[in-house]
Amino acid sequence: MFELTMLMRYFLGAGILIAGITMVLVIYGNALSTREDDELYLNKAEQAMMASEQQMLIGKMHRLARVIFGFATVAALLLAVSAGLWVWIGFRG
């Protein structure tokens, strides 16, 4: 019924690919957060060592959150452009 242009296929494919990558990153982030939630009761020396590991883990999670937000934004834009092209082609034809 509607003609799929090459540009529309590109936007749709790229949007789906980036949305898939975003989902994988979200799953990875959830795996990191389960490690962050673990509580250990240690003596002072072990606590100092574990605290530095915990800070590194929290830093990784913050960087990952920015990457996930970027990928999600790009995926949403590509999918919106693809939907807009689909509607435009529908009205034009």
PDB file of N, CA and C in Angstrom:
ATOM      1  N   MET A   1       0.829  -1.190   0.000  1.00  0.00           N
ATOM      2  CA  MET A   1       0.000   0.000   0.000  1.00  0.00           C
ATOM      3  C   MET A   1       0.874   1.255   0.000  1.00  0.00           C
ATOM      4  N   PHE A   2       1.745   1.369   0.993  1.00  0.00           N
ATOM      5  CA  PHE A   2       2.651   2.523   1.038  1.00  0.00           C
ATOM      6  C   PHE A   2       4.007   2.118   0.506  1.00  0.00           C
ATOM      7  N   GLU A   3       4.597   3.000  -0.237  1.00  0.00           N
ATOM      8  CA  GLU A   3       5.913   2.758  -0.805  1.00  0.00           C
ATOM      9  C   GLU A   3       6.974   3.047   0.253  1.00  0.00           C
ATOM     10  N   LEU A   4       7.838   2.069   0.498  1.00  0.00           N
ATOM     11  CA  LEU A   4       8.927   2.264   1.452  1.00  0.00           C
ATOM     12  C   LEU A   4      10.144   2.784   0.694  1.00  0.00           C
ATOM     13  N   THR A   5      10.545   3.975   1.008  1.00  0.00           N
ATOM     14  CA  THR A   5      11.726   4.530   0.355  1.00  0.00           C
ATOM     15  C   THR A   5      12.973   3.998   1.040  1.00  0.00           C
ATOM     16  N   MET A   6      14.072   4.141   0.362  1.00  0.00           N
ATOM     17  CA  MET A   6      15.338   3.670   0.919  1.00  0.00           C
ATOM     18  C   MET A   6      15.695   4.438   2.180  1.00  0.00           C
ATOM     19  N   LEU A   7      15.422   5.736   2.192  1.00  0.00           N
ATOM     20  CA  LEU A   7      15.707   6.550   3.371  1.00  0.00           C
ATOM     21  C   LEU A   7      14.867   6.096   4.564  1.00  0.00           C
ATOM     22  N   MET A   8      13.606   5.768   4.305  1.00  0.00           N
ATOM     23  CA  MET A   8      12.737   5.315   5.384  1.00  0.00           C
ATOM     24  C   MET A   8      13.225   3.969   5.934  1.00  0.00           C
ATOM     25  N   ARG A   9      13.647   3.085   5.047  1.00  0.00           N
ATOM     26  CA  ARG A   9      14.204   1.803   5.499  1.00  0.00           C
ATOM     27  C   ARG A   9      15.453   2.020   6.352  1.00  0.00           C
ATOM     28  N   TYR A  10      16.283   2.972   5.944  1.00  0.00           N
ATOM     29  CA  TYR A  10      17.484   3.274   6.717  1.00  0.00           C
ATOM     30  C   TYR A  10      17.130   3.762   8.117  1.00  0.00           C
ATOM     31  N   PHE A  11      16.221   4.733   8.199  1.00  0.00           N
ATOM     32  CA  PHE A  11      15.837   5.269   9.508  1.00  0.00           C
ATOM     33  C   PHE A  11      15.205   4.197  10.387  1.00  0.00           C
ATOM     34  N   LEU A  12      14.344   3.382   9.818  1.00  0.00           N
ATOM     35  CA  LEU A  12      13.684   2.345  10.590  1.00  0.00           C
ATOM     36  C   LEU A  12      14.692   1.294  11.061  1.00  0.00           C
ATOM     37  N   GLY A  13      15.562   0.861  10.169  1.00  0.00           N
ATOM     38  CA  GLY A  13      16.577  -0.136  10.541  1.00  0.00           C
ATOM     39  C   GLY A  13      17.547   0.386  11.584  1.00  0.00           C
ATOM     40  N   ALA A  14      17.994   1.616  11.400  1.00  0.00           N
ATOM     41  CA  ALA A  14      18.921   2.209  12.373  1.00  0.00           C
ATOM     42  C   ALA A  14      18.237   2.398  13.721  1.00  0.00           C
ATOM     43  N   GLY A  15      16.994   2.811  13.702  1.00  0.00           N
ATOM     44  CA  GLY A  15      16.251   2.988  14.957  1.00  0.00           C
ATOM     45  C   GLY A  15      16.087   1.680  15.700  1.00  0.00           C
ATOM     46  N   ILE A  16      15.757   0.617  14.972  1.00  0.00           N
ATOM     47  CA  ILE A  16      15.597  -0.698  15.606  1.00  0.00           C
ATOM     48  C   ILE A  16      16.928  -1.197  16.135  1.00  0.00           C
ATOM     49  N   LEU A  17      18.005  -1.026  15.365  1.00  0.00           N
ATOM     50  CA  LEU A  17      19.330  -1.463  15.810  1.00  0.00           C
ATOM     51  C   LEU A  17      19.757  -0.720  17.071  1.00  0.00           C
ATOM     52  N   ILE A  18      19.600   0.583  17.084  1.00  0.00           N
ATOM     53  CA  ILE A  18      20.011   1.372  18.258  1.00  0.00           C
ATOM     54  C   ILE A  18      19.121   1.064  19.454  1.00  0.00           C
ATOM     55  N   ALA A  19      17.823   0.813  19.223  1.00  0.00           N
ATOM     56  CA  ALA A  19      16.938   0.422  20.325  1.00  0.00           C
ATOM     57  C   ALA A  19      17.376  -0.916  20.915  1.00  0.00           C
ATOM     58  N   GLY A  20      17.815  -1.842  20.062  1.00  0.00           N
ATOM     59  CA  GLY A  20      18.323  -3.130  20.548  1.00  0.00           C
ATOM     60  C   GLY A  20      19.590  -2.967  21.376  1.00  0.00           C
ATOM     61  N   ILE A  21      20.505  -2.124  20.903  1.00  0.00           N
ATOM     62  CA  ILE A  21      21.736  -1.856  21.658  1.00  0.00           C
ATOM     63  C   ILE A  21      21.392  -1.221  23.004  1.00  0.00           C
ATOM     64  N   THR A  22      20.405  -0.321  22.998  1.00  0.00           N
ATOM     65  CA  THR A  22      19.984   0.322  24.246  1.00  0.00           C
ATOM     66  C   THR A  22      19.464  -0.709  25.230  1.00  0.00           C
ATOM     67  N   MET A  23      18.689  -1.660  24.752  1.00  0.00           N
ATOM     68  CA  MET A  23      18.154  -2.699  25.636  1.00  0.00           C
ATOM     69  C   MET A  23      19.283  -3.539  26.247  1.00  0.00           C
ATOM     70  N   VAL A  24      20.296  -3.868  25.438  1.00  0.00           N
ATOM     71  CA  VAL A  24      21.438  -4.633  25.953  1.00  0.00           C
ATOM     72  C   VAL A  24      22.170  -3.816  27.018  1.00  0.00           C
ATOM     73  N   LEU A  25      22.347  -2.521  26.795  1.00  0.00           N
ATOM     74  CA  LEU A  25      23.016  -1.670  27.782  1.00  0.00           C
ATOM     75  C   LEU A  25      22.198  -1.552  29.066  1.00  0.00           C
ATOM     76  N   VAL A  26      20.878  -1.497  28.949  1.00  0.00           N
ATOM     77  CA  VAL A  26      20.030  -1.437  30.141  1.00  0.00           C
ATOM     78  C   VAL A  26      20.151  -2.725  30.953  1.00  0.00           C
ATOM     79  N   ILE A  27      20.180  -3.855  30.271  1.00  0.00           N
ATOM     80  CA  ILE A  27      20.343  -5.136  30.968  1.00  0.00           C
ATOM     81  C   ILE A  27      21.699  -5.188  31.665  1.00  0.00           C
ATOM     82  N   TYR A  28      22.751  -4.719  30.991  1.00  0.00           N
ATOM     83  CA  TYR A  28      24.089  -4.662  31.598  1.00  0.00           C
ATOM     84  C   TYR A  28      24.085  -3.740  32.820  1.00  0.00           C
ATOM     85  N   GLY A  29      23.412  -2.600  32.697  1.00  0.00           N
ATOM     86  CA  GLY A  29      23.321  -1.674  33.832  1.00  0.00           C
ATOM     87  C   GLY A  29      22.600  -2.287  35.017  1.00  0.00           C
ATOM     88  N   ASN A  30      21.559  -3.062  34.750  1.00  0.00           N
ATOM     89  CA  ASN A  30      20.862  -3.742  35.839  1.00  0.00           C
ATOM     90  C   ASN A  30      21.746  -4.783  36.504  1.00  0.00           C
ATOM     91  N   ALA A  31      22.577  -5.464  35.711  1.00  0.00           N
ATOM     92  CA  ALA A  31      23.515  -6.432  36.286  1.00  0.00           C
ATOM     93  C   ALA A  31      24.525  -5.719  37.185  1.00  0.00           C
ATOM     94  N   LEU A  32      24.982  -4.533  36.767  1.00  0.00           N
ATOM     95  CA  LEU A  32      25.905  -3.762  37.607  1.00  0.00           C
ATOM     96  C   LEU A  32      25.222  -3.300  38.894  1.00  0.00           C
ATOM     97  N   SER A  33      23.962  -2.903  38.792  1.00  0.00           N
ATOM     98  CA  SER A  33      23.283  -2.371  39.978  1.00  0.00           C
ATOM     99  C   SER A  33      23.015  -3.468  41.001  1.00  0.00           C
ATOM    100  N   THR A  34      22.872  -4.716  40.579  1.00  0.00           N
ATOM    101  CA  THR A  34      22.689  -5.779  41.566  1.00  0.00           C
ATOM    102  C   THR A  34      23.978  -5.996  42.348  1.00  0.00           C
ATOM    103  N   ARG A  35      25.121  -5.805  41.680  1.00  0.00           N
ATOM    104  CA  ARG A  35      26.395  -5.895  42.404  1.00  0.00           C
ATOM    105  C   ARG A  35      26.557  -4.728  43.363  1.00  0.00           C
ATOM    106  N   GLU A  36      26.022  -3.566  42.994  1.00  0.00           N
ATOM    107  CA  GLU A  36      26.147  -2.372  43.825  1.00  0.00           C
ATOM    108  C   GLU A  36      25.287  -2.488  45.077  1.00  0.00           C
ATOM    109  N   ASP A  37      24.177  -3.209  45.000  1.00  0.00           N
ATOM    110  CA  ASP A  37      23.263  -3.320  46.132  1.00  0.00           C
ATOM    111  C   ASP A  37      23.740  -4.295  47.203  1.00  0.00           C
ATOM    112  N   ASP A  38      24.706  -5.141  46.877  1.00  0.00           N
ATOM    113  CA  ASP A  38      25.192  -6.106  47.855  1.00  0.00           C
ATOM    114  C   ASP A  38      25.811  -5.383  49.045  1.00  0.00           C
ATOM    115  N   GLU A  39      25.505  -5.868  50.236  1.00  0.00           N
ATOM    116  CA  GLU A  39      26.082  -5.293  51.448  1.00  0.00           C
ATOM    117  C   GLU A  39      26.956  -6.330  52.122  1.00  0.00           C
ATOM    118  N   LEU A  40      28.137  -5.909  52.462  1.00  0.00           N
ATOM    119  CA  LEU A  40      29.059  -6.773  53.171  1.00  0.00           C
ATOM    120  C   LEU A  40      29.476  -6.069  54.455  1.00  0.00           C
ATOM    121  N   TYR A  41      29.557  -6.823  55.519  1.00  0.00           N
ATOM    122  CA  TYR A  41      30.019  -6.279  56.791  1.00  0.00           C
ATOM    123  C   TYR A  41      31.433  -6.795  57.019  1.00  0.00           C
ATOM    124  N   LEU A  42      32.398  -5.894  56.883  1.00  0.00           N
ATOM    125  CA  LEU A  42      33.798  -6.262  56.908  1.00  0.00           C
ATOM    126  C   LEU A  42      34.529  -5.480  57.988  1.00  0.00           C
ATOM    127  N   ASN A  43      35.781  -5.901  58.248  1.00  0.00           N
ATOM    128  CA  ASN A  43      36.593  -5.119  59.175  1.00  0.00           C
ATOM    129  C   ASN A  43      37.099  -3.872  58.460  1.00  0.00           C
ATOM    130  N   LYS A  44      37.826  -3.005  59.165  1.00  0.00           N
ATOM    131  CA  LYS A  44      38.230  -1.692  58.616  1.00  0.00           C
ATOM    132  C   LYS A  44      39.081  -1.813  57.348  1.00  0.00           C
ATOM    133  N   ALA A  45      40.040  -2.726  57.318  1.00  0.00           N
ATOM    134  CA  ALA A  45      40.922  -2.849  56.157  1.00  0.00           C
ATOM    135  C   ALA A  45      40.143  -3.320  54.926  1.00  0.00           C
ATOM    136  N   GLU A  46      39.299  -4.336  55.103  1.00  0.00           N
ATOM    137  CA  GLU A  46      38.508  -4.833  53.987  1.00  0.00           C
ATOM    138  C   GLU A  46      37.484  -3.790  53.540  1.00  0.00           C
ATOM    139  N   GLN A  47      36.965  -3.025  54.497  1.00  0.00           N
ATOM    140  CA  GLN A  47      35.973  -2.010  54.166  1.00  0.00           C
ATOM    141  C   GLN A  47      36.579  -0.921  53.284  1.00  0.00           C
ATOM    142  N   ALA A  48      37.816  -0.514  53.572  1.00  0.00           N
ATOM    143  CA  ALA A  48      38.479   0.512  52.763  1.00  0.00           C
ATOM    144  C   ALA A  48      38.716   0.002  51.343  1.00  0.00           C
ATOM    145  N   MET A  49      39.114  -1.263  51.212  1.00  0.00           N
ATOM    146  CA  MET A  49      39.357  -1.836  49.894  1.00  0.00           C
ATOM    147  C   MET A  49      38.047  -1.960  49.109  1.00  0.00           C
ATOM    148  N   MET A  50      37.003  -2.417  49.777  1.00  0.00           N
ATOM    149  CA  MET A  50      35.715  -2.593  49.116  1.00  0.00           C
ATOM    150  C   MET A  50      35.077  -1.245  48.765  1.00  0.00           C
ATOM    151  N   ALA A  51      35.338  -0.234  49.562  1.00  0.00           N
ATOM    152  CA  ALA A  51      34.766   1.088  49.290  1.00  0.00           C
ATOM    153  C   ALA A  51      35.304   1.644  47.974  1.00  0.00           C
ATOM    154  N   SER A  52      36.593   1.425  47.713  1.00  0.00           N
ATOM    155  CA  SER A  52      37.146   1.917  46.444  1.00  0.00           C
ATOM    156  C   SER A  52      36.545   1.163  45.268  1.00  0.00           C
ATOM    157  N   GLU A  53      36.326  -0.140  45.408  1.00  0.00           N
ATOM    158  CA  GLU A  53      35.684  -0.912  44.343  1.00  0.00           C
ATOM    159  C   GLU A  53      34.251  -0.440  44.136  1.00  0.00           C
ATOM    160  N   GLN A  54      33.577  -0.132  45.231  1.00  0.00           N
ATOM    161  CA  GLN A  54      32.193   0.341  45.146  1.00  0.00           C
ATOM    162  C   GLN A  54      32.129   1.698  44.421  1.00  0.00           C
ATOM    163  N   GLN A  55      33.086   2.581  44.708  1.00  0.00           N
ATOM    164  CA  GLN A  55      33.110   3.881  44.040  1.00  0.00           C
ATOM    165  C   GLN A  55      33.361   3.721  42.541  1.00  0.00           C
ATOM    166  N   MET A  56      34.247   2.790  42.164  1.00  0.00           N
ATOM    167  CA  MET A  56      34.497   2.530  40.746  1.00  0.00           C
ATOM    168  C   MET A  56      33.226   2.003  40.071  1.00  0.00           C
ATOM    169  N   LEU A  57      32.518   1.135  40.755  1.00  0.00           N
ATOM    170  CA  LEU A  57      31.289   0.565  40.216  1.00  0.00           C
ATOM    171  C   LEU A  57      30.216   1.640  40.029  1.00  0.00           C
ATOM    172  N   ILE A  58      30.103   2.537  40.985  1.00  0.00           N
ATOM    173  CA  ILE A  58      29.134   3.632  40.885  1.00  0.00           C
ATOM    174  C   ILE A  58      29.514   4.565  39.738  1.00  0.00           C
ATOM    175  N   GLY A  59      30.796   4.826  39.554  1.00  0.00           N
ATOM    176  CA  GLY A  59      31.254   5.642  38.430  1.00  0.00           C
ATOM    177  C   GLY A  59      30.908   5.000  37.091  1.00  0.00           C
ATOM    178  N   LYS A  60      31.102   3.679  36.991  1.00  0.00           N
ATOM    179  CA  LYS A  60      30.734   2.958  35.776  1.00  0.00           C
ATOM    180  C   LYS A  60      29.244   3.082  35.501  1.00  0.00           C
ATOM    181  N   MET A  61      28.446   2.974  36.548  1.00  0.00           N
ATOM    182  CA  MET A  61      26.999   3.044  36.382  1.00  0.00           C
ATOM    183  C   MET A  61      26.565   4.430  35.905  1.00  0.00           C
ATOM    184  N   HIS A  62      27.200   5.487  36.400  1.00  0.00           N
ATOM    185  CA  HIS A  62      26.856   6.846  35.971  1.00  0.00           C
ATOM    186  C   HIS A  62      27.242   7.078  34.501  1.00  0.00           C
ATOM    187  N   ARG A  63      28.421   6.592  34.102  1.00  0.00           N
ATOM    188  CA  ARG A  63      28.825   6.723  32.700  1.00  0.00           C
ATOM    189  C   ARG A  63      27.887   5.923  31.796  1.00  0.00           C
ATOM    190  N   LEU A  64      27.518   4.731  32.237  1.00  0.00           N
ATOM    191  CA  LEU A  64      26.619   3.896  31.462  1.00  0.00           C
ATOM    192  C   LEU A  64      25.244   4.540  31.329  1.00  0.00           C
ATOM    193  N   ALA A  65      24.788   5.228  32.363  1.00  0.00           N
ATOM    194  CA  ALA A  65      23.486   5.902  32.303  1.00  0.00           C
ATOM    195  C   ALA A  65      23.495   6.993  31.233  1.00  0.00           C
ATOM    196  N   ARG A  66      24.597   7.721  31.108  1.00  0.00           N
ATOM    197  CA  ARG A  66      24.692   8.749  30.061  1.00  0.00           C
ATOM    198  C   ARG A  66      24.683   8.126  28.670  1.00  0.00           C
ATOM    199  N   VAL A  67      25.386   7.012  28.504  1.00  0.00           N
ATOM    200  CA  VAL A  67      25.424   6.329  27.208  1.00  0.00           C
ATOM    201  C   VAL A  67      24.035   5.804  26.855  1.00  0.00           C
ATOM    202  N   ILE A  68      23.357   5.205  27.834  1.00  0.00           N
ATOM    203  CA  ILE A  68      22.006   4.682  27.600  1.00  0.00           C
ATOM    204  C   ILE A  68      21.070   5.814  27.207  1.00  0.00           C
ATOM    205  N   PHE A  69      21.162   6.949  27.886  1.00  0.00           N
ATOM    206  CA  PHE A  69      20.304   8.087  27.552  1.00  0.00           C
ATOM    207  C   PHE A  69      20.568   8.563  26.126  1.00  0.00           C
ATOM    208  N   GLY A  70      21.835   8.618  25.739  1.00  0.00           N
ATOM    209  CA  GLY A  70      22.189   9.034  24.381  1.00  0.00           C
ATOM    210  C   GLY A  70      21.640   8.074  23.332  1.00  0.00           C
ATOM    211  N   PHE A  71      21.840   6.768  23.548  1.00  0.00           N
ATOM    212  CA  PHE A  71      21.328   5.780  22.606  1.00  0.00           C
ATOM    213  C   PHE A  71      19.805   5.827  22.537  1.00  0.00           C
ATOM    214  N   ALA A  72      19.139   5.962  23.667  1.00  0.00           N
ATOM    215  CA  ALA A  72      17.678   6.015  23.677  1.00  0.00           C
ATOM    216  C   ALA A  72      17.179   7.255  22.934  1.00  0.00           C
ATOM    217  N   THR A  73      17.863   8.371  23.096  1.00  0.00           N
ATOM    218  CA  THR A  73      17.470   9.595  22.396  1.00  0.00           C
ATOM    219  C   THR A  73      17.627   9.440  20.888  1.00  0.00           C
ATOM    220  N   VAL A  74      18.743   8.885  20.456  1.00  0.00           N
ATOM    221  CA  VAL A  74      18.972   8.681  19.025  1.00  0.00           C
ATOM    222  C   VAL A  74      17.951   7.691  18.455  1.00  0.00           C
ATOM    223  N   ALA A  75      17.673   6.611  19.190  1.00  0.00           N
ATOM    224  CA  ALA A  75      16.692   5.633  18.724  1.00  0.00           C
ATOM    225  C   ALA A  75      15.311   6.264  18.601  1.00  0.00           C
ATOM    226  N   ALA A  76      14.928   7.068  19.568  1.00  0.00           N
ATOM    227  CA  ALA A  76      13.616   7.725  19.517  1.00  0.00           C
ATOM    228  C   ALA A  76      13.539   8.694  18.337  1.00  0.00           C
ATOM    229  N   LEU A  77      14.605   9.444  18.110  1.00  0.00           N
ATOM    230  CA  LEU A  77      14.610  10.374  16.976  1.00  0.00           C
ATOM    231  C   LEU A  77      14.530   9.642  15.637  1.00  0.00           C
ATOM    232  N   LEU A  78      15.300   8.576  15.490  1.00  0.00           N
ATOM    233  CA  LEU A  78      15.270   7.828  14.232  1.00  0.00           C
ATOM    234  C   LEU A  78      13.904   7.191  13.994  1.00  0.00           C
ATOM    235  N   LEU A  79      13.321   6.632  15.034  1.00  0.00           N
ATOM    236  CA  LEU A  79      12.001   6.027  14.877  1.00  0.00           C
ATOM    237  C   LEU A  79      10.935   7.084  14.604  1.00  0.00           C
ATOM    238  N   ALA A  80      11.062   8.263  15.212  1.00  0.00           N
ATOM    239  CA  ALA A  80      10.104   9.349  14.950  1.00  0.00           C
ATOM    240  C   ALA A  80      10.235   9.855  13.515  1.00  0.00           C
ATOM    241  N   VAL A  81      11.465   9.985  13.031  1.00  0.00           N
ATOM    242  CA  VAL A  81      11.671  10.407  11.636  1.00  0.00           C
ATOM    243  C   VAL A  81      11.107   9.362  10.685  1.00  0.00           C
ATOM    244  N   SER A  82      11.324   8.089  11.005  1.00  0.00           N
ATOM    245  CA  SER A  82      10.783   7.020  10.168  1.00  0.00           C
ATOM    246  C   SER A  82       9.256   7.068  10.145  1.00  0.00           C
ATOM    247  N   ALA A  83       8.624   7.271  11.280  1.00  0.00           N
ATOM    248  CA  ALA A  83       7.163   7.369  11.340  1.00  0.00           C
ATOM    249  C   ALA A  83       6.685   8.607  10.579  1.00  0.00           C
ATOM    250  N   GLY A  84       7.409   9.712  10.715  1.00  0.00           N
ATOM    251  CA  GLY A  84       7.056  10.920   9.987  1.00  0.00           C
ATOM    252  C   GLY A  84       7.133  10.727   8.489  1.00  0.00           C
ATOM    253  N   LEU A  85       8.174  10.032   8.022  1.00  0.00           N
ATOM    254  CA  LEU A  85       8.283   9.741   6.591  1.00  0.00           C
ATOM    255  C   LEU A  85       7.140   8.851   6.128  1.00  0.00           C
ATOM    256  N   TRP A  86       6.789   7.871   6.945  1.00  0.00           N
ATOM    257  CA  TRP A  86       5.693   6.965   6.604  1.00  0.00           C
ATOM    258  C   TRP A  86       4.388   7.738   6.453  1.00  0.00           C
ATOM    259  N   VAL A  87       4.111   8.639   7.384  1.00  0.00           N
ATOM    260  CA  VAL A  87       2.900   9.454   7.317  1.00  0.00           C
ATOM    261  C   VAL A  87       2.953  10.391   6.108  1.00  0.00           C
ATOM    262  N   TRP A  88       4.108  11.009   5.870  1.00  0.00           N
ATOM    263  CA  TRP A  88       4.267  11.926   4.739  1.00  0.00           C
ATOM    264  C   TRP A  88       4.018  11.213   3.415  1.00  0.00           C
ATOM    265  N   ILE A  89       4.582  10.005   3.267  1.00  0.00           N
ATOM    266  CA  ILE A  89       4.385   9.224   2.049  1.00  0.00           C
ATOM    267  C   ILE A  89       2.903   8.833   1.922  1.00  0.00           C
ATOM    268  N   GLY A  90       2.280   8.521   3.048  1.00  0.00           N
ATOM    269  CA  GLY A  90       0.861   8.166   3.026  1.00  0.00           C
ATOM    270  C   GLY A  90      -0.016   9.311   2.563  1.00  0.00           C
ATOM    271  N   PHE A  91       0.247  10.517   3.028  1.00  0.00           N
ATOM    272  CA  PHE A  91      -0.551  11.679   2.628  1.00  0.00           C
ATOM    273  C   PHE A  91      -0.258  12.097   1.190  1.00  0.00           C
ATOM    274  N   ARG A  92       0.973  11.923   0.778  1.00  0.00           N
ATOM    275  CA  ARG A  92       1.380  12.336  -0.557  1.00  0.00           C
ATOM    276  C   ARG A  92       0.816  11.396  -1.627  1.00  0.00           C
ATOM    277  N   GLY A  93       0.771  10.090  -1.299  1.00  0.00           N
ATOM    278  CA  GLY A  93       0.357   9.116  -2.294  1.00  0.00           C
ATOM    279  C   GLY A  93      -1.055   8.859  -2.241  1.00  0.00           C
TER     280      GLY A  93
END
